[in-house]
Amino acid sequence: MAGAKQSFFNSLFRWTMKNTDDTTNTVVPEIIEEVSVNPVDRLKWCIEIIKNSKSTDEEIMKSSEELNHWTEELDLAKDFFTVGGGEILPILLDHVGDEIRIQGCSLIANLVQNNDHCQRIVIQSGILQKLLLILDQSENDDVRTKSLTAISALIRGYTLGQLQFQKFNGFKIVVKALSAQIPRLQLKICFLVNTLSISSQQMKKLFYENGTLDELINFYVNPTCPDPMHVVEAILSLSDAKKDVFQSLKERNNPLFDELEKKLNQRLEIVKSDAEQNDEKASIYQLLTFIQPSSSTVTTSTDSQVST
């Protein structure tokens, strides 16, 4: 807890500096009271408010916001579950208010990020299935995006989470969500696909078998694609999911294959003279090497362009 206290005071100092009147150099009076706050006591208070069936939506919203503040700023994830916080996660996710559901998703992401102990607790509670249902069925773009953020935090680097993801048809749900016209959600999916495919050949195989490659390419060739570099990286991460991935694409969907090749060459013309775009340029050349394996000029160009 000593580390948490130090982090708390660091956080409080940053908050104080933001809320100091530059003209008079006086600190907002409420800060004095903050110094004596015990973060774990505040967790308990907020959790009890949310558990209380008589609490108003406004009280639940304020409490969930405060929980997000504490868990984002401090290492309080284990304390959160020790004082019974796990009980409120289904309450937040099942709430009819979209803003409260968003807070619930954010809270889960804060709690489990790079924390296998908390990942295990949340996975075993069945929360992942709820999050996948929200991603699949919610009509609110922000709710869907936040649910994907929580899902990603739950399963990245955690094998049990990935097995549960597979069990509850996570691949199909994520691929379906990729076709939604929600750029923030689509880009988060690209990051998830890229991260999991690089770290696990099995996850790469399952993403590919569930049609992720075709959906990624459809997203990439769309003129409104907001971030071509990260999409092309996700496509590249699936390029060796099986032998002759792009030859297979050409045989089953030649128009899509042609669109991909055309878009890659168009992007190459845009980025090839820009030194700040070397990463995208390298990824494009690498993909073109897969797509045009007989072209020796592609490989040669790759070496000369990336080195400049």
C-alpha atoms as a PDB file:
ATOM      1  CA  MET A   1       0.000   0.000   0.000  1.00  0.00           C
ATOM      2  CA  ALA A   2       3.021   2.287   0.456  1.00  0.00           C
ATOM      3  CA  GLY A   3       3.472   2.473  -3.298  1.00  0.00           C
ATOM      4  CA  ALA A   4      -0.203   3.293  -3.733  1.00  0.00           C
ATOM      5  CA  LYS A   5       0.047   6.102  -1.181  1.00  0.00           C
ATOM      6  CA  GLN A   6       3.023   7.595  -2.982  1.00  0.00           C
ATOM      7  CA  SER A   7       1.191   7.360  -6.293  1.00  0.00           C
ATOM      8  CA  PHE A   8      -1.809   8.975  -4.664  1.00  0.00           C
ATOM      9  CA  PHE A   9       0.209  11.978  -3.542  1.00  0.00           C
ATOM     10  CA  ASN A  10       1.833  12.207  -6.977  1.00  0.00           C
ATOM     11  CA  SER A  11      -1.625  12.190  -8.527  1.00  0.00           C
ATOM     12  CA  LEU A  12      -2.846  14.748  -6.024  1.00  0.00           C
ATOM     13  CA  PHE A  13       0.094  17.008  -6.818  1.00  0.00           C
ATOM     14  CA  ARG A  14      -0.683  16.862 -10.553  1.00  0.00           C
ATOM     15  CA  TRP A  15      -4.343  17.605  -9.843  1.00  0.00           C
ATOM     16  CA  THR A  16      -3.345  20.492  -7.579  1.00  0.00           C
ATOM     17  CA  MET A  17      -1.152  22.074 -10.247  1.00  0.00           C
ATOM     18  CA  LYS A  18      -3.975  21.866 -12.770  1.00  0.00           C
ATOM     19  CA  ASN A  19      -6.398  23.511 -10.373  1.00  0.00           C
ATOM     20  CA  THR A  20      -4.149  26.282  -9.133  1.00  0.00           C
ATOM     21  CA  ASP A  21      -5.131  29.848 -10.021  1.00  0.00           C
ATOM     22  CA  ASP A  22      -2.136  31.103 -12.019  1.00  0.00           C
ATOM     23  CA  THR A  23      -3.046  34.722 -11.323  1.00  0.00           C
ATOM     24  CA  THR A  24      -3.249  34.579  -7.555  1.00  0.00           C
ATOM     25  CA  ASN A  25      -1.252  31.369  -7.097  1.00  0.00           C
ATOM     26  CA  THR A  26      -3.862  30.148  -4.635  1.00  0.00           C
ATOM     27  CA  VAL A  27      -4.903  26.537  -4.460  1.00  0.00           C
ATOM     28  CA  VAL A  28      -8.540  25.524  -4.645  1.00  0.00           C
ATOM     29  CA  PRO A  29      -9.621  25.104  -0.987  1.00  0.00           C
ATOM     30  CA  GLU A  30     -10.993  21.587  -1.456  1.00  0.00           C
ATOM     31  CA  ILE A  31      -7.469  20.312  -2.084  1.00  0.00           C
ATOM     32  CA  ILE A  32      -6.648  20.617   1.602  1.00  0.00           C
ATOM     33  CA  GLU A  33      -9.353  18.062   2.369  1.00  0.00           C
ATOM     34  CA  GLU A  34      -8.082  15.718  -0.365  1.00  0.00           C
ATOM     35  CA  VAL A  35      -4.782  15.183   1.446  1.00  0.00           C
ATOM     36  CA  SER A  36      -6.480  13.171   4.180  1.00  0.00           C
ATOM     37  CA  VAL A  37      -8.456  10.953   1.784  1.00  0.00           C
ATOM     38  CA  ASN A  38      -7.861   7.209   2.036  1.00  0.00           C
ATOM     39  CA  PRO A  39      -8.261   5.807  -1.504  1.00  0.00           C
ATOM     40  CA  VAL A  40      -9.381   2.352  -0.315  1.00  0.00           C
ATOM     41  CA  ASP A  41     -12.062   3.937   1.889  1.00  0.00           C
ATOM     42  CA  ARG A  42     -13.298   5.835  -1.156  1.00  0.00           C
ATOM     43  CA  LEU A  43     -13.417   2.571  -3.132  1.00  0.00           C
ATOM     44  CA  LYS A  44     -15.563   1.016  -0.411  1.00  0.00           C
ATOM     45  CA  TRP A  45     -17.880   4.033  -0.316  1.00  0.00           C
ATOM     46  CA  CYS A  46     -18.402   4.103  -4.086  1.00  0.00           C
ATOM     47  CA  ILE A  47     -18.926   0.349  -4.267  1.00  0.00           C
ATOM     48  CA  GLU A  48     -21.622   0.485  -1.576  1.00  0.00           C
ATOM     49  CA  ILE A  49     -23.408   3.311  -3.399  1.00  0.00           C
ATOM     50  CA  ILE A  50     -23.538   1.247  -6.599  1.00  0.00           C
ATOM     51  CA  LYS A  51     -24.661  -1.901  -4.768  1.00  0.00           C
ATOM     52  CA  ASN A  52     -27.486  -0.027  -3.051  1.00  0.00           C
ATOM     53  CA  SER A  53     -30.686  -0.605  -5.042  1.00  0.00           C
ATOM     54  CA  LYS A  54     -32.034   2.734  -3.800  1.00  0.00           C
ATOM     55  CA  SER A  55     -29.195   4.761  -5.316  1.00  0.00           C
ATOM     56  CA  THR A  56     -30.125   7.113  -8.144  1.00  0.00           C
ATOM     57  CA  ASP A  57     -28.584   6.947 -11.595  1.00  0.00           C
ATOM     58  CA  GLU A  58     -26.761  10.182 -10.823  1.00  0.00           C
ATOM     59  CA  GLU A  59     -25.240   8.687  -7.666  1.00  0.00           C
ATOM     60  CA  ILE A  60     -24.213   5.534  -9.547  1.00  0.00           C
ATOM     61  CA  MET A  61     -22.682   7.617 -12.326  1.00  0.00           C
ATOM     62  CA  LYS A  62     -20.664   9.779  -9.928  1.00  0.00           C
ATOM     63  CA  SER A  63     -19.482   6.740  -7.981  1.00  0.00           C
ATOM     64  CA  SER A  64     -18.417   4.857 -11.111  1.00  0.00           C
ATOM     65  CA  GLU A  65     -16.558   7.932 -12.351  1.00  0.00           C
ATOM     66  CA  GLU A  66     -14.703   8.179  -9.051  1.00  0.00           C
ATOM     67  CA  LEU A  67     -13.831   4.479  -9.161  1.00  0.00           C
ATOM     68  CA  ASN A  68     -12.405   4.984 -12.623  1.00  0.00           C
ATOM     69  CA  HIS A  69     -10.376   7.916 -11.343  1.00  0.00           C
ATOM     70  CA  TRP A  70      -8.824   5.938  -8.492  1.00  0.00           C
ATOM     71  CA  THR A  71      -8.143   2.768 -10.488  1.00  0.00           C
ATOM     72  CA  GLU A  72      -6.644   4.711 -13.383  1.00  0.00           C
ATOM     73  CA  GLU A  73      -4.355   6.853 -11.222  1.00  0.00           C
ATOM     74  CA  LEU A  74      -3.324   4.286  -8.602  1.00  0.00           C
ATOM     75  CA  ASP A  75      -2.459   0.607  -8.362  1.00  0.00           C
ATOM     76  CA  LEU A  76      -5.661  -0.313  -6.538  1.00  0.00           C
ATOM     77  CA  ALA A  77      -6.956  -3.190  -8.635  1.00  0.00           C
ATOM     78  CA  LYS A  78      -6.362  -5.883  -6.011  1.00  0.00           C
ATOM     79  CA  ASP A  79      -7.810  -3.648  -3.287  1.00  0.00           C
ATOM     80  CA  PHE A  80     -10.896  -3.131  -5.448  1.00  0.00           C
ATOM     81  CA  PHE A  81     -11.658  -6.861  -5.523  1.00  0.00           C
ATOM     82  CA  THR A  82     -10.641  -7.393  -1.889  1.00  0.00           C
ATOM     83  CA  VAL A  83     -13.338  -4.952  -0.727  1.00  0.00           C
ATOM     84  CA  GLY A  84     -16.033  -6.577  -2.876  1.00  0.00           C
ATOM     85  CA  GLY A  85     -15.808  -4.521  -6.044  1.00  0.00           C
ATOM     86  CA  GLY A  86     -16.337  -7.516  -8.295  1.00  0.00           C
ATOM     87  CA  GLU A  87     -20.021  -7.513  -7.327  1.00  0.00           C
ATOM     88  CA  ILE A  88     -20.690  -4.169  -9.005  1.00  0.00           C
ATOM     89  CA  LEU A  89     -19.253  -4.991 -12.439  1.00  0.00           C
ATOM     90  CA  PRO A  90     -22.390  -6.858 -13.634  1.00  0.00           C
ATOM     91  CA  ILE A  91     -24.544  -4.070 -12.162  1.00  0.00           C
ATOM     92  CA  LEU A  92     -22.757  -1.457 -14.259  1.00  0.00           C
ATOM     93  CA  LEU A  93     -22.734  -3.546 -17.448  1.00  0.00           C
ATOM     94  CA  ASP A  94     -26.432  -4.483 -17.116  1.00  0.00           C
ATOM     95  CA  HIS A  95     -27.554  -0.920 -16.430  1.00  0.00           C
ATOM     96  CA  VAL A  96     -30.001   0.611 -18.907  1.00  0.00           C
ATOM     97  CA  GLY A  97     -28.010   3.854 -19.071  1.00  0.00           C
ATOM     98  CA  ASP A  98     -25.356   3.878 -21.788  1.00  0.00           C
ATOM     99  CA  GLU A  99     -23.100   6.317 -19.927  1.00  0.00           C
ATOM    100  CA  ILE A 100     -23.042   4.056 -16.888  1.00  0.00           C
ATOM    101  CA  ARG A 101     -22.291   1.022 -19.063  1.00  0.00           C
ATOM    102  CA  ILE A 102     -19.397   2.967 -20.591  1.00  0.00           C
ATOM    103  CA  GLN A 103     -18.070   3.654 -17.094  1.00  0.00           C
ATOM    104  CA  GLY A 104     -18.356  -0.056 -16.318  1.00  0.00           C
ATOM    105  CA  CYS A 105     -16.361  -1.026 -19.397  1.00  0.00           C
ATOM    106  CA  SER A 106     -13.693   1.576 -18.616  1.00  0.00           C
ATOM    107  CA  LEU A 107     -13.448   0.347 -15.042  1.00  0.00           C
ATOM    108  CA  ILE A 108     -12.884  -3.240 -16.169  1.00  0.00           C
ATOM    109  CA  ALA A 109     -10.158  -2.130 -18.581  1.00  0.00           C
ATOM    110  CA  ASN A 110      -8.426  -0.150 -15.824  1.00  0.00           C
ATOM    111  CA  LEU A 111      -8.576  -3.059 -13.395  1.00  0.00           C
ATOM    112  CA  VAL A 112      -7.269  -5.843 -15.623  1.00  0.00           C
ATOM    113  CA  GLN A 113      -4.735  -4.031 -17.824  1.00  0.00           C
ATOM    114  CA  ASN A 114      -1.491  -6.059 -17.598  1.00  0.00           C
ATOM    115  CA  ASN A 115      -2.721  -7.689 -14.383  1.00  0.00           C
ATOM    116  CA  ASP A 116      -3.134 -11.457 -14.717  1.00  0.00           C
ATOM    117  CA  HIS A 117      -4.481 -11.783 -11.148  1.00  0.00           C
ATOM    118  CA  CYS A 118      -7.380  -9.448 -11.906  1.00  0.00           C
ATOM    119  CA  GLN A 119      -7.804 -10.871 -15.403  1.00  0.00           C
ATOM    120  CA  ARG A 120      -8.392 -14.274 -13.812  1.00  0.00           C
ATOM    121  CA  ILE A 121     -10.964 -12.929 -11.352  1.00  0.00           C
ATOM    122  CA  VAL A 122     -12.941 -11.139 -14.051  1.00  0.00           C
ATOM    123  CA  ILE A 123     -12.758 -13.990 -16.559  1.00  0.00           C
ATOM    124  CA  GLN A 124     -13.958 -16.507 -13.966  1.00  0.00           C
ATOM    125  CA  SER A 125     -16.899 -14.237 -13.089  1.00  0.00           C
ATOM    126  CA  GLY A 126     -18.327 -14.520 -16.618  1.00  0.00           C
ATOM    127  CA  ILE A 127     -17.894 -10.826 -17.433  1.00  0.00           C
ATOM    128  CA  LEU A 128     -16.255 -11.527 -20.797  1.00  0.00           C
ATOM    129  CA  GLN A 129     -19.486 -13.064 -22.108  1.00  0.00           C
ATOM    130  CA  LYS A 130     -21.394  -9.909 -21.090  1.00  0.00           C
ATOM    131  CA  LEU A 131     -18.850  -7.689 -22.819  1.00  0.00           C
ATOM    132  CA  LEU A 132     -19.069  -9.699 -26.036  1.00  0.00           C
ATOM    133  CA  LEU A 133     -22.851  -9.449 -25.916  1.00  0.00           C
ATOM    134  CA  ILE A 134     -22.603  -5.668 -25.524  1.00  0.00           C
ATOM    135  CA  LEU A 135     -20.163  -5.435 -28.429  1.00  0.00           C
ATOM    136  CA  ASP A 136     -22.498  -7.488 -30.583  1.00  0.00           C
ATOM    137  CA  GLN A 137     -25.863  -5.990 -29.652  1.00  0.00           C
ATOM    138  CA  SER A 138     -25.487  -2.450 -28.317  1.00  0.00           C
ATOM    139  CA  GLU A 139     -26.807   0.328 -30.569  1.00  0.00           C
ATOM    140  CA  ASN A 140     -24.506   2.925 -29.002  1.00  0.00           C
ATOM    141  CA  ASP A 141     -21.174   3.418 -30.799  1.00  0.00           C
ATOM    142  CA  ASP A 142     -19.328   4.548 -27.669  1.00  0.00           C
ATOM    143  CA  VAL A 143     -20.609   1.615 -25.620  1.00  0.00           C
ATOM    144  CA  ARG A 144     -19.479  -0.843 -28.286  1.00  0.00           C
ATOM    145  CA  THR A 145     -16.064   0.800 -28.532  1.00  0.00           C
ATOM    146  CA  LYS A 146     -15.538   0.777 -24.765  1.00  0.00           C
ATOM    147  CA  SER A 147     -16.641  -2.855 -24.533  1.00  0.00           C
ATOM    148  CA  LEU A 148     -13.972  -3.750 -27.095  1.00  0.00           C
ATOM    149  CA  THR A 149     -11.406  -1.864 -25.013  1.00  0.00           C
ATOM    150  CA  ALA A 150     -12.338  -3.976 -21.982  1.00  0.00           C
ATOM    151  CA  ILE A 151     -12.321  -7.215 -23.997  1.00  0.00           C
ATOM    152  CA  SER A 152      -8.890  -6.387 -25.376  1.00  0.00           C
ATOM    153  CA  ALA A 153      -7.490  -5.689 -21.901  1.00  0.00           C
ATOM    154  CA  LEU A 154      -8.961  -8.954 -20.617  1.00  0.00           C
ATOM    155  CA  ILE A 155      -7.503 -11.301 -23.217  1.00  0.00           C
ATOM    156  CA  ARG A 156      -4.200  -9.769 -24.317  1.00  0.00           C
ATOM    157  CA  GLY A 157      -1.372 -11.773 -22.780  1.00  0.00           C
ATOM    158  CA  TYR A 158      -3.773 -14.050 -20.913  1.00  0.00           C
ATOM    159  CA  THR A 159      -4.318 -17.565 -22.244  1.00  0.00           C
ATOM    160  CA  LEU A 160      -7.411 -18.382 -20.171  1.00  0.00           C
ATOM    161  CA  GLY A 161      -9.039 -15.184 -21.429  1.00  0.00           C
ATOM    162  CA  GLN A 162      -8.255 -16.153 -25.008  1.00  0.00           C
ATOM    163  CA  LEU A 163      -9.777 -19.600 -24.504  1.00  0.00           C
ATOM    164  CA  GLN A 164     -12.942 -18.001 -23.120  1.00  0.00           C
ATOM    165  CA  PHE A 165     -12.944 -15.580 -26.037  1.00  0.00           C
ATOM    166  CA  GLN A 166     -12.945 -18.555 -28.383  1.00  0.00           C
ATOM    167  CA  LYS A 167     -15.600 -20.400 -26.359  1.00  0.00           C
ATOM    168  CA  PHE A 168     -18.051 -17.483 -26.541  1.00  0.00           C
ATOM    169  CA  ASN A 169     -17.631 -16.933 -30.313  1.00  0.00           C
ATOM    170  CA  GLY A 170     -15.446 -13.880 -29.784  1.00  0.00           C
ATOM    171  CA  PHE A 171     -13.822 -14.190 -33.200  1.00  0.00           C
ATOM    172  CA  LYS A 172     -17.126 -14.084 -35.058  1.00  0.00           C
ATOM    173  CA  ILE A 173     -18.403 -11.186 -32.941  1.00  0.00           C
ATOM    174  CA  VAL A 174     -15.244  -9.121 -33.441  1.00  0.00           C
ATOM    175  CA  VAL A 175     -15.147  -9.784 -37.189  1.00  0.00           C
ATOM    176  CA  LYS A 176     -18.801  -8.767 -37.435  1.00  0.00           C
ATOM    177  CA  ALA A 177     -18.046  -5.556 -35.495  1.00  0.00           C
ATOM    178  CA  LEU A 178     -15.218  -4.780 -37.906  1.00  0.00           C
ATOM    179  CA  SER A 179     -17.796  -4.192 -40.639  1.00  0.00           C
ATOM    180  CA  ALA A 180     -19.568  -1.541 -38.544  1.00  0.00           C
ATOM    181  CA  GLN A 181     -18.981   2.024 -39.695  1.00  0.00           C
ATOM    182  CA  ILE A 182     -17.421   3.075 -36.390  1.00  0.00           C
ATOM    183  CA  PRO A 183     -13.813   4.135 -37.112  1.00  0.00           C
ATOM    184  CA  ARG A 184     -12.628   4.139 -33.468  1.00  0.00           C
ATOM    185  CA  LEU A 185     -14.006   0.652 -32.950  1.00  0.00           C
ATOM    186  CA  GLN A 186     -12.553  -0.613 -36.229  1.00  0.00           C
ATOM    187  CA  LEU A 187      -9.080   0.696 -35.408  1.00  0.00           C
ATOM    188  CA  LYS A 188      -9.181  -0.854 -31.930  1.00  0.00           C
ATOM    189  CA  ILE A 189     -10.060  -4.175 -33.570  1.00  0.00           C
ATOM    190  CA  CYS A 190      -7.082  -3.780 -35.913  1.00  0.00           C
ATOM    191  CA  PHE A 191      -4.822  -3.268 -32.894  1.00  0.00           C
ATOM    192  CA  LEU A 192      -6.285  -6.330 -31.168  1.00  0.00           C
ATOM    193  CA  VAL A 193      -5.919  -8.542 -34.230  1.00  0.00           C
ATOM    194  CA  ASN A 194      -2.349  -7.381 -34.788  1.00  0.00           C
ATOM    195  CA  THR A 195      -1.323  -7.848 -31.152  1.00  0.00           C
ATOM    196  CA  LEU A 196      -2.871 -11.284 -30.705  1.00  0.00           C
ATOM    197  CA  SER A 197      -1.749 -12.589 -34.104  1.00  0.00           C
ATOM    198  CA  ILE A 198       1.854 -11.585 -33.482  1.00  0.00           C
ATOM    199  CA  SER A 199       1.894 -13.210 -30.041  1.00  0.00           C
ATOM    200  CA  SER A 200       0.000 -16.416 -30.856  1.00  0.00           C
ATOM    201  CA  GLN A 201      -0.017 -18.521 -34.006  1.00  0.00           C
ATOM    202  CA  GLN A 202      -3.227 -20.169 -32.795  1.00  0.00           C
ATOM    203  CA  MET A 203      -5.017 -16.827 -32.420  1.00  0.00           C
ATOM    204  CA  LYS A 204      -3.759 -15.803 -35.853  1.00  0.00           C
ATOM    205  CA  LYS A 205      -5.128 -19.017 -37.340  1.00  0.00           C
ATOM    206  CA  LEU A 206      -8.519 -18.555 -35.694  1.00  0.00           C
ATOM    207  CA  PHE A 207      -8.825 -14.924 -36.763  1.00  0.00           C
ATOM    208  CA  TYR A 208      -8.050 -15.965 -40.323  1.00  0.00           C
ATOM    209  CA  GLU A 209     -10.477 -18.891 -40.296  1.00  0.00           C
ATOM    210  CA  ASN A 210     -13.264 -16.557 -39.128  1.00  0.00           C
ATOM    211  CA  GLY A 211     -12.885 -14.209 -42.093  1.00  0.00           C
ATOM    212  CA  THR A 212     -10.886 -11.430 -40.462  1.00  0.00           C
ATOM    213  CA  LEU A 213      -8.515 -10.938 -43.391  1.00  0.00           C
ATOM    214  CA  ASP A 214     -11.284 -10.166 -45.877  1.00  0.00           C
ATOM    215  CA  GLU A 215     -12.948  -7.705 -43.490  1.00  0.00           C
ATOM    216  CA  LEU A 216      -9.630  -5.967 -42.826  1.00  0.00           C
ATOM    217  CA  ILE A 217      -9.031  -5.590 -46.551  1.00  0.00           C
ATOM    218  CA  ASN A 218     -12.550  -4.231 -47.075  1.00  0.00           C
ATOM    219  CA  PHE A 219     -11.828  -1.665 -44.356  1.00  0.00           C
ATOM    220  CA  TYR A 220      -8.439  -0.815 -45.861  1.00  0.00           C
ATOM    221  CA  VAL A 221      -9.627  -0.255 -49.439  1.00  0.00           C
ATOM    222  CA  ASN A 222     -12.494   1.962 -48.290  1.00  0.00           C
ATOM    223  CA  PRO A 223     -11.676   5.589 -49.272  1.00  0.00           C
ATOM    224  CA  THR A 224     -12.716   6.722 -45.787  1.00  0.00           C
ATOM    225  CA  CYS A 225     -10.225   4.435 -43.984  1.00  0.00           C
ATOM    226  CA  PRO A 226      -8.953   6.729 -41.182  1.00  0.00           C
ATOM    227  CA  ASP A 227      -5.561   5.132 -40.480  1.00  0.00           C
ATOM    228  CA  PRO A 228      -4.170   3.036 -43.355  1.00  0.00           C
ATOM    229  CA  MET A 229      -0.897   2.256 -41.590  1.00  0.00           C
ATOM    230  CA  HIS A 230      -2.466   0.430 -38.644  1.00  0.00           C
ATOM    231  CA  VAL A 231      -4.885  -1.432 -40.894  1.00  0.00           C
ATOM    232  CA  VAL A 232      -2.121  -2.614 -43.199  1.00  0.00           C
ATOM    233  CA  GLU A 233      -0.156  -3.814 -40.149  1.00  0.00           C
ATOM    234  CA  ALA A 234      -3.163  -5.906 -39.072  1.00  0.00           C
ATOM    235  CA  ILE A 235      -3.454  -7.351 -42.581  1.00  0.00           C
ATOM    236  CA  LEU A 236       0.251  -8.139 -42.556  1.00  0.00           C
ATOM    237  CA  SER A 237      -0.062  -9.938 -39.214  1.00  0.00           C
ATOM    238  CA  LEU A 238      -2.357 -12.486 -40.898  1.00  0.00           C
ATOM    239  CA  SER A 239      -0.266 -12.873 -44.040  1.00  0.00           C
ATOM    240  CA  ASP A 240       1.282 -16.153 -42.870  1.00  0.00           C
ATOM    241  CA  ALA A 241      -1.810 -17.604 -41.177  1.00  0.00           C
ATOM    242  CA  LYS A 242      -1.531 -20.407 -43.698  1.00  0.00           C
ATOM    243  CA  LYS A 243       0.385 -21.146 -46.870  1.00  0.00           C
ATOM    244  CA  ASP A 244      -0.399 -18.892 -49.864  1.00  0.00           C
ATOM    245  CA  VAL A 245      -2.884 -16.672 -48.023  1.00  0.00           C
ATOM    246  CA  PHE A 246      -3.115 -14.113 -50.813  1.00  0.00           C
ATOM    247  CA  GLN A 247      -3.200 -16.673 -53.599  1.00  0.00           C
ATOM    248  CA  SER A 248      -6.202 -18.155 -51.796  1.00  0.00           C
ATOM    249  CA  LEU A 249      -7.781 -14.686 -51.592  1.00  0.00           C
ATOM    250  CA  LYS A 250      -7.235 -14.167 -55.310  1.00  0.00           C
ATOM    251  CA  GLU A 251      -8.918 -17.467 -56.136  1.00  0.00           C
ATOM    252  CA  ARG A 252     -12.007 -16.911 -53.991  1.00  0.00           C
ATOM    253  CA  ASN A 253     -12.392 -13.136 -54.392  1.00  0.00           C
ATOM    254  CA  ASN A 254     -10.333 -11.758 -57.258  1.00  0.00           C
ATOM    255  CA  PRO A 255     -11.999  -8.278 -57.222  1.00  0.00           C
ATOM    256  CA  LEU A 256     -11.060  -7.789 -53.557  1.00  0.00           C
ATOM    257  CA  PHE A 257      -7.520  -8.980 -54.267  1.00  0.00           C
ATOM    258  CA  ASP A 258      -7.238  -6.454 -57.110  1.00  0.00           C
ATOM    259  CA  GLU A 259      -8.588  -3.662 -54.901  1.00  0.00           C
ATOM    260  CA  LEU A 260      -6.006  -4.475 -52.243  1.00  0.00           C
ATOM    261  CA  GLU A 261      -3.143  -4.410 -54.716  1.00  0.00           C
ATOM    262  CA  LYS A 262      -4.402  -1.136 -56.192  1.00  0.00           C
ATOM    263  CA  LYS A 263      -4.755   0.511 -52.768  1.00  0.00           C
ATOM    264  CA  LEU A 264      -1.300  -0.626 -51.685  1.00  0.00           C
ATOM    265  CA  ASN A 265       0.277   0.938 -54.761  1.00  0.00           C
ATOM    266  CA  GLN A 266      -1.729   4.125 -54.282  1.00  0.00           C
ATOM    267  CA  ARG A 267      -0.589   4.441 -50.682  1.00  0.00           C
ATOM    268  CA  LEU A 268       2.978   3.687 -51.732  1.00  0.00           C
ATOM    269  CA  GLU A 269       2.945   6.653 -54.089  1.00  0.00           C
ATOM    270  CA  ILE A 270       1.742   8.858 -51.232  1.00  0.00           C
ATOM    271  CA  VAL A 271       4.230   7.752 -48.566  1.00  0.00           C
ATOM    272  CA  LYS A 272       7.366   6.702 -50.467  1.00  0.00           C
ATOM    273  CA  SER A 273       8.969  10.164 -50.392  1.00  0.00           C
ATOM    274  CA  ASP A 274       8.009  10.871 -46.784  1.00  0.00           C
ATOM    275  CA  ALA A 275      10.711   9.814 -44.294  1.00  0.00           C
ATOM    276  CA  GLU A 276       8.177   9.917 -41.457  1.00  0.00           C
ATOM    277  CA  GLN A 277       6.168   7.160 -43.143  1.00  0.00           C
ATOM    278  CA  ASN A 278       8.925   4.537 -43.280  1.00  0.00           C
ATOM    279  CA  ASP A 279       6.984   2.056 -41.133  1.00  0.00           C
ATOM    280  CA  GLU A 280       3.948   2.107 -43.399  1.00  0.00           C
ATOM    281  CA  LYS A 281       6.200   2.030 -46.452  1.00  0.00           C
ATOM    282  CA  ALA A 282       8.009  -1.076 -45.175  1.00  0.00           C
ATOM    283  CA  SER A 283       4.697  -2.821 -44.401  1.00  0.00           C
ATOM    284  CA  ILE A 284       3.365  -2.045 -47.882  1.00  0.00           C
ATOM    285  CA  TYR A 285       6.477  -3.420 -49.562  1.00  0.00           C
ATOM    286  CA  GLN A 286       6.293  -6.530 -47.419  1.00  0.00           C
ATOM    287  CA  LEU A 287       2.653  -7.100 -48.349  1.00  0.00           C
ATOM    288  CA  LEU A 288       3.394  -6.533 -52.015  1.00  0.00           C
ATOM    289  CA  THR A 289       6.099  -9.182 -51.723  1.00  0.00           C
ATOM    290  CA  PHE A 290       3.466 -11.656 -50.529  1.00  0.00           C
ATOM    291  CA  ILE A 291       1.011 -10.572 -53.214  1.00  0.00           C
ATOM    292  CA  GLN A 292       3.536 -10.554 -56.054  1.00  0.00           C
ATOM    293  CA  PRO A 293       5.984 -13.308 -55.082  1.00  0.00           C
ATOM    294  CA  SER A 294       7.429 -13.537 -58.580  1.00  0.00           C
ATOM    295  CA  SER A 295       8.350  -9.866 -58.735  1.00  0.00           C
ATOM    296  CA  SER A 296      12.012  -9.371 -57.873  1.00  0.00           C
ATOM    297  CA  THR A 297      11.681  -5.606 -58.269  1.00  0.00           C
ATOM    298  CA  VAL A 298       9.466  -5.396 -55.201  1.00  0.00           C
ATOM    299  CA  THR A 299      12.113  -6.876 -52.915  1.00  0.00           C
ATOM    300  CA  THR A 300      14.829  -4.707 -54.428  1.00  0.00           C
ATOM    301  CA  SER A 301      12.733  -1.593 -54.008  1.00  0.00           C
ATOM    302  CA  THR A 302      12.014  -2.471 -50.416  1.00  0.00           C
ATOM    303  CA  ASP A 303      15.678  -2.462 -49.477  1.00  0.00           C
ATOM    304  CA  SER A 304      16.469   0.776 -51.287  1.00  0.00           C
ATOM    305  CA  GLN A 305      13.392   2.719 -50.150  1.00  0.00           C
ATOM    306  CA  VAL A 306      13.443   1.766 -46.469  1.00  0.00           C
ATOM    307  CA  SER A 307      17.146   2.479 -46.145  1.00  0.00           C
ATOM    308  CA  THR A 308      16.767   6.046 -47.435  1.00  0.00           C
END
